[in-house]
Amino acid sequence: MTFALGVRKVRRVIRRARKAAAAGAVALSALTLAACSSSPASVATTTSTTTVPTTTPATSSTTATTTTSSPPAGFTAAKRQWEQGSTSAAAEQGAYWSRAASDLAKAVASGAAGTSGYATAAQELRELTSLPDTSETAAQMAEARKDTRALNTFFGTKGLYGVS
């Protein structure tokens, strides 16, 4: 009888370990997906992979793999400026856009890997900054929409500034 109880306990521990391992893999997958979805579509990302072997008693071993992505230098700071500008008054947006352009330009100048598209995005930010806050012509409004749409695509911020 004691042996049978011991076997049941071991089996219960094994089931719990398997569930915990499966839940951990699901949680890591969700975190990886969230991290990847926040990365810009038009910018290359640096990826690192870590493999961690996990085992449960009296069973075969399994392996959990975690992949993390991080945007290249300057992108996060520039994106933060772009997003903060969207909540500021129109007269203040240019300051946010100038700082974002500067962050992107510094990343390009540093020679950091994965910065293709940064120079174009910085130029679009400068163009937006040069447009008047009010009394825009039809051509200026069209240019602002075009640049904003391109920057929303670059930063992965669809719909920001009311432009999809």
N, C-alpha and C. Protein backbone atom coordinates (compact mmCIF):
# COMPACT_ATOMS: atom_id res chain seq x y z
N MET A 1 0.82 -1.19 0.00
CA MET A 1 0.00 0.00 0.00
C MET A 1 0.86 1.26 0.00
N THR A 2 1.92 1.30 0.79
CA THR A 2 2.79 2.45 0.86
C THR A 2 3.46 2.70 -0.48
N PHE A 3 3.86 1.62 -1.13
CA PHE A 3 4.49 1.76 -2.45
C PHE A 3 3.52 2.38 -3.45
N ALA A 4 2.26 1.95 -3.45
CA ALA A 4 1.25 2.47 -4.37
C ALA A 4 1.03 3.96 -4.13
N LEU A 5 0.97 4.39 -2.87
CA LEU A 5 0.81 5.81 -2.57
C LEU A 5 2.01 6.61 -3.06
N GLY A 6 3.19 6.06 -2.92
CA GLY A 6 4.41 6.72 -3.38
C GLY A 6 4.40 6.91 -4.90
N VAL A 7 3.94 5.90 -5.64
CA VAL A 7 3.87 5.97 -7.09
C VAL A 7 2.86 7.04 -7.51
N ARG A 8 1.72 7.10 -6.83
CA ARG A 8 0.73 8.12 -7.15
C ARG A 8 1.28 9.52 -6.93
N LYS A 9 1.98 9.69 -5.83
CA LYS A 9 2.57 10.99 -5.54
C LYS A 9 3.58 11.38 -6.63
N VAL A 10 4.39 10.43 -7.02
CA VAL A 10 5.37 10.71 -8.07
C VAL A 10 4.66 11.08 -9.37
N ARG A 11 3.63 10.35 -9.73
CA ARG A 11 2.88 10.65 -10.95
C ARG A 11 2.25 12.03 -10.87
N ARG A 12 1.69 12.39 -9.71
CA ARG A 12 1.08 13.70 -9.52
C ARG A 12 2.15 14.80 -9.68
N VAL A 13 3.31 14.58 -9.11
CA VAL A 13 4.40 15.55 -9.23
C VAL A 13 4.81 15.68 -10.70
N ILE A 14 4.87 14.59 -11.40
CA ILE A 14 5.25 14.61 -12.82
C ILE A 14 4.20 15.38 -13.62
N ARG A 15 2.91 15.12 -13.38
CA ARG A 15 1.85 15.86 -14.09
C ARG A 15 1.96 17.35 -13.83
N ARG A 16 2.16 17.70 -12.55
CA ARG A 16 2.29 19.13 -12.22
C ARG A 16 3.50 19.75 -12.90
N ALA A 17 4.60 19.03 -12.93
CA ALA A 17 5.80 19.55 -13.57
C ALA A 17 5.58 19.75 -15.07
N ARG A 18 4.89 18.79 -15.69
CA ARG A 18 4.60 18.92 -17.12
C ARG A 18 3.70 20.13 -17.39
N LYS A 19 2.66 20.30 -16.54
CA LYS A 19 1.76 21.45 -16.70
C LYS A 19 2.51 22.75 -16.51
N ALA A 20 3.38 22.79 -15.51
CA ALA A 20 4.16 24.01 -15.25
C ALA A 20 5.09 24.31 -16.42
N ALA A 21 5.72 23.25 -16.96
CA ALA A 21 6.61 23.45 -18.10
C ALA A 21 5.83 23.94 -19.32
N ALA A 22 4.66 23.36 -19.55
CA ALA A 22 3.82 23.78 -20.67
C ALA A 22 3.35 25.21 -20.48
N ALA A 23 2.94 25.55 -19.26
CA ALA A 23 2.48 26.92 -18.99
C ALA A 23 3.62 27.90 -19.16
N GLY A 24 4.81 27.51 -18.74
CA GLY A 24 5.98 28.38 -18.92
C GLY A 24 6.29 28.61 -20.38
N ALA A 25 6.19 27.58 -21.19
CA ALA A 25 6.45 27.72 -22.62
C ALA A 25 5.41 28.62 -23.26
N VAL A 26 4.14 28.49 -22.85
CA VAL A 26 3.07 29.34 -23.39
C VAL A 26 3.31 30.79 -22.99
N ALA A 27 3.68 31.02 -21.72
CA ALA A 27 3.92 32.39 -21.25
C ALA A 27 5.10 33.00 -21.99
N LEU A 28 6.16 32.23 -22.20
CA LEU A 28 7.31 32.74 -22.93
C LEU A 28 6.95 33.04 -24.38
N SER A 29 6.13 32.20 -24.97
CA SER A 29 5.70 32.45 -26.35
C SER A 29 4.89 33.74 -26.43
N ALA A 30 4.01 33.97 -25.45
CA ALA A 30 3.20 35.18 -25.44
C ALA A 30 4.08 36.42 -25.27
N LEU A 31 5.09 36.33 -24.40
CA LEU A 31 6.00 37.47 -24.22
C LEU A 31 6.79 37.73 -25.49
N THR A 32 7.25 36.67 -26.14
CA THR A 32 8.00 36.83 -27.37
C THR A 32 7.13 37.47 -28.44
N LEU A 33 5.88 37.01 -28.56
CA LEU A 33 4.97 37.58 -29.54
C LEU A 33 4.74 39.05 -29.26
N ALA A 34 4.54 39.40 -28.00
CA ALA A 34 4.31 40.81 -27.63
C ALA A 34 5.54 41.64 -27.97
N ALA A 35 6.73 41.12 -27.69
CA ALA A 35 7.94 41.87 -27.98
C ALA A 35 8.12 42.05 -29.48
N CYS A 36 7.83 41.00 -30.25
CA CYS A 36 7.98 41.10 -31.70
C CYS A 36 6.96 42.03 -32.31
N SER A 37 5.74 42.04 -31.78
CA SER A 37 4.71 42.87 -32.38
C SER A 37 4.97 44.34 -32.13
N SER A 38 5.80 44.67 -31.13
CA SER A 38 6.09 46.07 -30.88
C SER A 38 7.29 46.56 -31.68
N SER A 39 7.96 45.66 -32.35
CA SER A 39 9.09 46.05 -33.18
C SER A 39 8.60 46.63 -34.49
N PRO A 40 9.34 47.57 -35.07
CA PRO A 40 8.90 48.17 -36.32
C PRO A 40 8.99 47.18 -37.46
N ALA A 41 8.01 47.24 -38.36
CA ALA A 41 7.98 46.31 -39.48
C ALA A 41 9.08 46.61 -40.48
N SER A 42 9.44 47.88 -40.64
CA SER A 42 10.40 48.25 -41.66
C SER A 42 11.83 48.30 -41.15
N VAL A 43 12.07 47.88 -39.91
CA VAL A 43 13.39 47.97 -39.32
C VAL A 43 13.84 46.57 -38.94
N ALA A 44 15.09 46.25 -39.25
CA ALA A 44 15.63 44.96 -38.87
C ALA A 44 15.79 44.92 -37.36
N THR A 45 15.64 43.73 -36.75
CA THR A 45 15.80 43.62 -35.32
C THR A 45 16.92 42.65 -35.01
N THR A 46 17.53 42.84 -33.85
CA THR A 46 18.56 41.95 -33.37
C THR A 46 17.87 40.87 -32.56
N THR A 47 18.20 39.60 -32.85
CA THR A 47 17.53 38.49 -32.19
C THR A 47 18.54 37.62 -31.47
N SER A 48 18.21 37.22 -30.25
CA SER A 48 19.03 36.26 -29.53
C SER A 48 18.14 35.12 -29.07
N THR A 49 18.70 33.91 -29.06
CA THR A 49 17.92 32.74 -28.68
C THR A 49 18.61 32.03 -27.53
N THR A 50 17.84 31.66 -26.52
CA THR A 50 18.36 30.93 -25.37
C THR A 50 17.62 29.61 -25.28
N THR A 51 18.35 28.51 -25.17
CA THR A 51 17.73 27.20 -25.03
C THR A 51 17.99 26.69 -23.62
N VAL A 52 16.93 26.32 -22.92
CA VAL A 52 17.02 25.86 -21.55
C VAL A 52 16.45 24.45 -21.47
N PRO A 53 17.28 23.45 -21.14
CA PRO A 53 16.73 22.10 -21.01
C PRO A 53 15.98 21.98 -19.68
N THR A 54 14.83 21.33 -19.72
CA THR A 54 14.06 21.07 -18.50
C THR A 54 13.75 19.59 -18.46
N THR A 55 13.77 19.02 -17.29
CA THR A 55 13.48 17.60 -17.15
C THR A 55 12.48 17.38 -16.03
N THR A 56 11.76 16.30 -16.14
CA THR A 56 10.86 15.88 -15.07
C THR A 56 11.28 14.49 -14.67
N PRO A 57 11.14 14.10 -13.40
CA PRO A 57 11.59 12.80 -12.94
C PRO A 57 10.89 11.66 -13.70
N ALA A 58 11.66 10.66 -14.02
CA ALA A 58 11.16 9.43 -14.64
C ALA A 58 10.43 9.68 -15.96
N THR A 59 10.78 10.76 -16.67
CA THR A 59 10.18 11.01 -17.98
C THR A 59 11.26 11.47 -18.93
N SER A 60 10.89 11.65 -20.17
CA SER A 60 11.84 12.15 -21.15
C SER A 60 12.04 13.64 -20.93
N SER A 61 13.15 14.17 -21.44
CA SER A 61 13.42 15.60 -21.25
C SER A 61 12.78 16.41 -22.36
N THR A 62 12.49 17.65 -22.04
CA THR A 62 11.94 18.58 -23.02
C THR A 62 12.83 19.81 -23.05
N THR A 63 12.71 20.60 -24.09
CA THR A 63 13.52 21.80 -24.22
C THR A 63 12.62 22.98 -24.51
N ALA A 64 12.79 24.06 -23.74
CA ALA A 64 12.04 25.30 -23.97
C ALA A 64 12.98 26.30 -24.61
N THR A 65 12.54 26.94 -25.68
CA THR A 65 13.36 27.92 -26.38
C THR A 65 12.70 29.28 -26.28
N THR A 66 13.48 30.29 -25.91
CA THR A 66 12.98 31.65 -25.77
C THR A 66 13.71 32.53 -26.78
N THR A 67 12.97 33.30 -27.57
CA THR A 67 13.56 34.21 -28.53
C THR A 67 13.15 35.63 -28.15
N THR A 68 14.13 36.51 -28.06
CA THR A 68 13.84 37.90 -27.72
C THR A 68 14.33 38.80 -28.84
N SER A 69 13.61 39.86 -29.09
CA SER A 69 13.98 40.82 -30.11
C SER A 69 14.08 42.20 -29.49
N SER A 70 15.03 42.96 -29.95
CA SER A 70 15.12 44.34 -29.49
C SER A 70 15.41 45.21 -30.70
N PRO A 71 14.77 46.37 -30.76
CA PRO A 71 14.98 47.26 -31.89
C PRO A 71 16.40 47.84 -31.86
N PRO A 72 16.93 48.20 -33.01
CA PRO A 72 18.25 48.79 -33.06
C PRO A 72 18.31 50.11 -32.29
N ALA A 73 19.53 50.56 -32.06
CA ALA A 73 19.77 51.79 -31.29
C ALA A 73 18.98 52.97 -31.83
N GLY A 74 18.48 53.80 -30.94
CA GLY A 74 17.79 55.04 -31.30
C GLY A 74 16.31 54.88 -31.61
N PHE A 75 15.88 53.70 -31.99
CA PHE A 75 14.49 53.53 -32.39
C PHE A 75 13.53 53.75 -31.23
N THR A 76 13.81 53.15 -30.09
CA THR A 76 12.90 53.24 -28.94
C THR A 76 12.72 54.68 -28.49
N ALA A 77 13.82 55.42 -28.40
CA ALA A 77 13.74 56.83 -27.97
C ALA A 77 12.96 57.65 -29.00
N ALA A 78 13.22 57.41 -30.28
CA ALA A 78 12.51 58.15 -31.33
C ALA A 78 11.02 57.82 -31.32
N LYS A 79 10.69 56.56 -31.14
CA LYS A 79 9.29 56.16 -31.11
C LYS A 79 8.58 56.81 -29.93
N ARG A 80 9.26 56.85 -28.78
CA ARG A 80 8.67 57.49 -27.60
C ARG A 80 8.38 58.96 -27.89
N GLN A 81 9.28 59.67 -28.56
CA GLN A 81 9.06 61.08 -28.91
C GLN A 81 7.88 61.20 -29.88
N TRP A 82 7.81 60.32 -30.85
CA TRP A 82 6.71 60.32 -31.83
C TRP A 82 5.37 60.14 -31.12
N GLU A 83 5.31 59.19 -30.19
CA GLU A 83 4.07 58.93 -29.47
C GLU A 83 3.71 60.09 -28.52
N GLN A 84 4.69 60.64 -27.83
CA GLN A 84 4.42 61.76 -26.92
C GLN A 84 3.96 62.99 -27.69
N GLY A 85 4.50 63.20 -28.88
CA GLY A 85 4.08 64.32 -29.70
C GLY A 85 2.61 64.24 -30.07
N SER A 86 2.09 63.02 -30.20
CA SER A 86 0.69 62.86 -30.59
C SER A 86 -0.28 63.33 -29.53
N THR A 87 0.18 63.43 -28.28
CA THR A 87 -0.70 63.86 -27.20
C THR A 87 -0.45 65.31 -26.78
N SER A 88 0.46 65.97 -27.48
CA SER A 88 0.78 67.35 -27.13
C SER A 88 0.00 68.32 -28.02
N ALA A 89 0.05 69.58 -27.66
CA ALA A 89 -0.58 70.62 -28.47
C ALA A 89 0.14 70.73 -29.81
N ALA A 90 -0.58 71.12 -30.85
CA ALA A 90 -0.01 71.22 -32.19
C ALA A 90 1.25 72.10 -32.21
N ALA A 91 1.25 73.17 -31.45
CA ALA A 91 2.39 74.07 -31.43
C ALA A 91 3.63 73.44 -30.80
N GLU A 92 3.45 72.37 -30.02
CA GLU A 92 4.57 71.70 -29.35
C GLU A 92 5.05 70.45 -30.07
N GLN A 93 4.30 69.95 -31.02
CA GLN A 93 4.64 68.69 -31.69
C GLN A 93 5.99 68.75 -32.39
N GLY A 94 6.30 69.88 -32.99
CA GLY A 94 7.57 70.01 -33.71
C GLY A 94 8.78 69.71 -32.84
N ALA A 95 8.73 70.09 -31.57
CA ALA A 95 9.86 69.81 -30.67
C ALA A 95 10.04 68.30 -30.48
N TYR A 96 8.93 67.58 -30.33
CA TYR A 96 9.01 66.12 -30.20
C TYR A 96 9.56 65.49 -31.48
N TRP A 97 9.07 65.97 -32.62
CA TRP A 97 9.51 65.41 -33.89
C TRP A 97 10.99 65.70 -34.13
N SER A 98 11.46 66.88 -33.74
CA SER A 98 12.88 67.22 -33.90
C SER A 98 13.75 66.28 -33.06
N ARG A 99 13.32 66.02 -31.83
CA ARG A 99 14.09 65.10 -30.97
C ARG A 99 14.08 63.68 -31.55
N ALA A 100 12.95 63.26 -32.09
CA ALA A 100 12.87 61.92 -32.70
C ALA A 100 13.81 61.84 -33.90
N ALA A 101 13.81 62.88 -34.74
CA ALA A 101 14.71 62.91 -35.90
C ALA A 101 16.16 62.87 -35.45
N SER A 102 16.48 63.58 -34.38
CA SER A 102 17.84 63.59 -33.85
C SER A 102 18.25 62.21 -33.34
N ASP A 103 17.35 61.52 -32.64
CA ASP A 103 17.64 60.17 -32.15
C ASP A 103 17.94 59.22 -33.30
N LEU A 104 17.16 59.30 -34.36
CA LEU A 104 17.36 58.43 -35.52
C LEU A 104 18.67 58.78 -36.24
N ALA A 105 18.94 60.08 -36.39
CA ALA A 105 20.17 60.52 -37.07
C ALA A 105 21.41 60.08 -36.29
N LYS A 106 21.36 60.15 -34.97
CA LYS A 106 22.50 59.70 -34.14
C LYS A 106 22.74 58.21 -34.33
N ALA A 107 21.67 57.43 -34.43
CA ALA A 107 21.82 55.99 -34.63
C ALA A 107 22.47 55.69 -35.98
N VAL A 108 22.07 56.43 -37.01
CA VAL A 108 22.68 56.25 -38.34
C VAL A 108 24.15 56.64 -38.28
N ALA A 109 24.45 57.78 -37.67
CA ALA A 109 25.83 58.27 -37.60
C ALA A 109 26.74 57.33 -36.80
N SER A 110 26.17 56.62 -35.83
CA SER A 110 26.98 55.70 -35.02
C SER A 110 27.35 54.44 -35.79
N GLY A 111 26.68 54.21 -36.92
CA GLY A 111 26.96 53.01 -37.70
C GLY A 111 26.33 51.76 -37.12
N ALA A 112 25.35 51.93 -36.25
CA ALA A 112 24.68 50.78 -35.63
C ALA A 112 24.00 49.92 -36.68
N ALA A 113 24.03 48.62 -36.45
CA ALA A 113 23.39 47.69 -37.39
C ALA A 113 21.88 47.83 -37.32
N GLY A 114 21.20 47.56 -38.42
CA GLY A 114 19.75 47.55 -38.44
C GLY A 114 19.10 48.91 -38.51
N THR A 115 19.81 49.90 -39.02
CA THR A 115 19.25 51.25 -39.05
C THR A 115 18.79 51.67 -40.45
N SER A 116 18.61 50.72 -41.34
CA SER A 116 18.13 51.10 -42.67
C SER A 116 16.73 51.69 -42.53
N GLY A 117 16.47 52.75 -43.20
CA GLY A 117 15.19 53.42 -43.11
C GLY A 117 15.17 54.55 -42.10
N TYR A 118 16.18 54.61 -41.24
CA TYR A 118 16.22 55.66 -40.23
C TYR A 118 16.41 57.03 -40.86
N ALA A 119 17.29 57.15 -41.84
CA ALA A 119 17.55 58.45 -42.46
C ALA A 119 16.29 58.99 -43.14
N THR A 120 15.55 58.12 -43.81
CA THR A 120 14.30 58.53 -44.46
C THR A 120 13.28 58.98 -43.43
N ALA A 121 13.14 58.22 -42.34
CA ALA A 121 12.19 58.59 -41.29
C ALA A 121 12.59 59.92 -40.65
N ALA A 122 13.89 60.13 -40.43
CA ALA A 122 14.36 61.40 -39.86
C ALA A 122 14.02 62.55 -40.79
N GLN A 123 14.19 62.35 -42.09
CA GLN A 123 13.86 63.39 -43.06
C GLN A 123 12.35 63.70 -43.04
N GLU A 124 11.52 62.69 -42.96
CA GLU A 124 10.07 62.90 -42.90
C GLU A 124 9.69 63.66 -41.63
N LEU A 125 10.36 63.36 -40.52
CA LEU A 125 10.10 64.10 -39.28
C LEU A 125 10.48 65.57 -39.43
N ARG A 126 11.61 65.82 -40.08
CA ARG A 126 12.04 67.22 -40.31
C ARG A 126 11.06 67.95 -41.22
N GLU A 127 10.54 67.25 -42.24
CA GLU A 127 9.56 67.86 -43.13
C GLU A 127 8.29 68.23 -42.37
N LEU A 128 7.83 67.34 -41.50
CA LEU A 128 6.65 67.65 -40.69
C LEU A 128 6.90 68.87 -39.81
N THR A 129 8.09 68.94 -39.25
CA THR A 129 8.45 70.06 -38.37
C THR A 129 8.44 71.38 -39.13
N SER A 130 8.79 71.34 -40.40
CA SER A 130 8.88 72.58 -41.18
C SER A 130 7.52 73.09 -41.65
N LEU A 131 6.49 72.26 -41.58
CA LEU A 131 5.15 72.69 -42.01
C LEU A 131 4.53 73.62 -40.97
N PRO A 132 3.71 74.57 -41.40
CA PRO A 132 3.05 75.47 -40.43
C PRO A 132 2.03 74.71 -39.58
N ASP A 133 1.82 75.18 -38.36
CA ASP A 133 0.86 74.55 -37.45
C ASP A 133 -0.58 74.81 -37.89
N THR A 134 -0.81 75.94 -38.51
CA THR A 134 -2.16 76.32 -38.96
C THR A 134 -2.07 76.90 -40.36
N SER A 135 -3.21 77.06 -40.99
CA SER A 135 -3.32 77.65 -42.33
C SER A 135 -2.46 76.94 -43.37
N GLU A 136 -2.47 75.63 -43.32
CA GLU A 136 -1.73 74.85 -44.31
C GLU A 136 -2.47 74.88 -45.65
N THR A 137 -1.71 74.83 -46.71
CA THR A 137 -2.31 74.72 -48.04
C THR A 137 -2.73 73.26 -48.25
N ALA A 138 -3.49 73.01 -49.29
CA ALA A 138 -3.92 71.64 -49.60
C ALA A 138 -2.70 70.76 -49.86
N ALA A 139 -1.70 71.29 -50.54
CA ALA A 139 -0.48 70.53 -50.83
C ALA A 139 0.27 70.20 -49.53
N GLN A 140 0.33 71.15 -48.59
CA GLN A 140 1.01 70.91 -47.32
C GLN A 140 0.26 69.87 -46.49
N MET A 141 -1.06 69.94 -46.51
CA MET A 141 -1.85 68.95 -45.77
C MET A 141 -1.63 67.54 -46.35
N ALA A 142 -1.57 67.46 -47.68
CA ALA A 142 -1.33 66.16 -48.32
C ALA A 142 0.06 65.63 -47.95
N GLU A 143 1.05 66.52 -47.93
CA GLU A 143 2.41 66.13 -47.55
C GLU A 143 2.45 65.67 -46.09
N ALA A 144 1.75 66.37 -45.22
CA ALA A 144 1.71 65.99 -43.80
C ALA A 144 1.08 64.61 -43.63
N ARG A 145 -0.01 64.34 -44.35
CA ARG A 145 -0.66 63.01 -44.27
C ARG A 145 0.27 61.93 -44.79
N LYS A 146 0.95 62.20 -45.90
CA LYS A 146 1.87 61.21 -46.48
C LYS A 146 3.00 60.90 -45.51
N ASP A 147 3.62 61.94 -44.96
CA ASP A 147 4.73 61.73 -44.01
C ASP A 147 4.25 61.03 -42.75
N THR A 148 3.10 61.43 -42.23
CA THR A 148 2.57 60.82 -41.01
C THR A 148 2.25 59.35 -41.24
N ARG A 149 1.66 59.03 -42.37
CA ARG A 149 1.35 57.64 -42.70
C ARG A 149 2.64 56.81 -42.76
N ALA A 150 3.67 57.36 -43.43
CA ALA A 150 4.95 56.65 -43.53
C ALA A 150 5.59 56.46 -42.15
N LEU A 151 5.51 57.49 -41.31
CA LEU A 151 6.10 57.39 -39.97
C LEU A 151 5.31 56.43 -39.08
N ASN A 152 3.99 56.42 -39.21
CA ASN A 152 3.20 55.44 -38.46
C ASN A 152 3.58 54.02 -38.86
N THR A 153 3.84 53.81 -40.14
CA THR A 153 4.29 52.49 -40.60
C THR A 153 5.66 52.17 -40.02
N PHE A 154 6.56 53.11 -40.09
CA PHE A 154 7.93 52.93 -39.58
C PHE A 154 7.92 52.59 -38.09
N PHE A 155 7.18 53.37 -37.30
CA PHE A 155 7.16 53.17 -35.86
C PHE A 155 6.17 52.10 -35.41
N GLY A 156 5.32 51.61 -36.31
CA GLY A 156 4.33 50.61 -35.93
C GLY A 156 3.23 51.20 -35.07
N THR A 157 2.80 52.43 -35.40
CA THR A 157 1.80 53.14 -34.59
C THR A 157 0.60 53.52 -35.46
N LYS A 158 0.01 52.54 -36.09
CA LYS A 158 -1.11 52.78 -37.01
C LYS A 158 -2.19 53.63 -36.36
N GLY A 159 -2.64 54.66 -37.06
CA GLY A 159 -3.72 55.51 -36.60
C GLY A 159 -3.29 56.68 -35.72
N LEU A 160 -2.02 56.73 -35.34
CA LEU A 160 -1.57 57.84 -34.52
C LEU A 160 -1.66 59.14 -35.29
N TYR A 161 -1.96 60.22 -34.67
CA TYR A 161 -2.17 61.53 -35.28
C TYR A 161 -3.39 61.51 -36.19
N GLY A 162 -4.28 60.54 -36.01
CA GLY A 162 -5.50 60.48 -36.80
C GLY A 162 -5.29 60.06 -38.24
N VAL A 163 -4.14 59.45 -38.54
CA VAL A 163 -3.84 59.02 -39.91
C VAL A 163 -3.57 57.52 -39.89
N SER A 164 -4.31 56.78 -40.73
CA SER A 164 -4.09 55.33 -40.80
C SER A 164 -3.22 54.96 -41.96
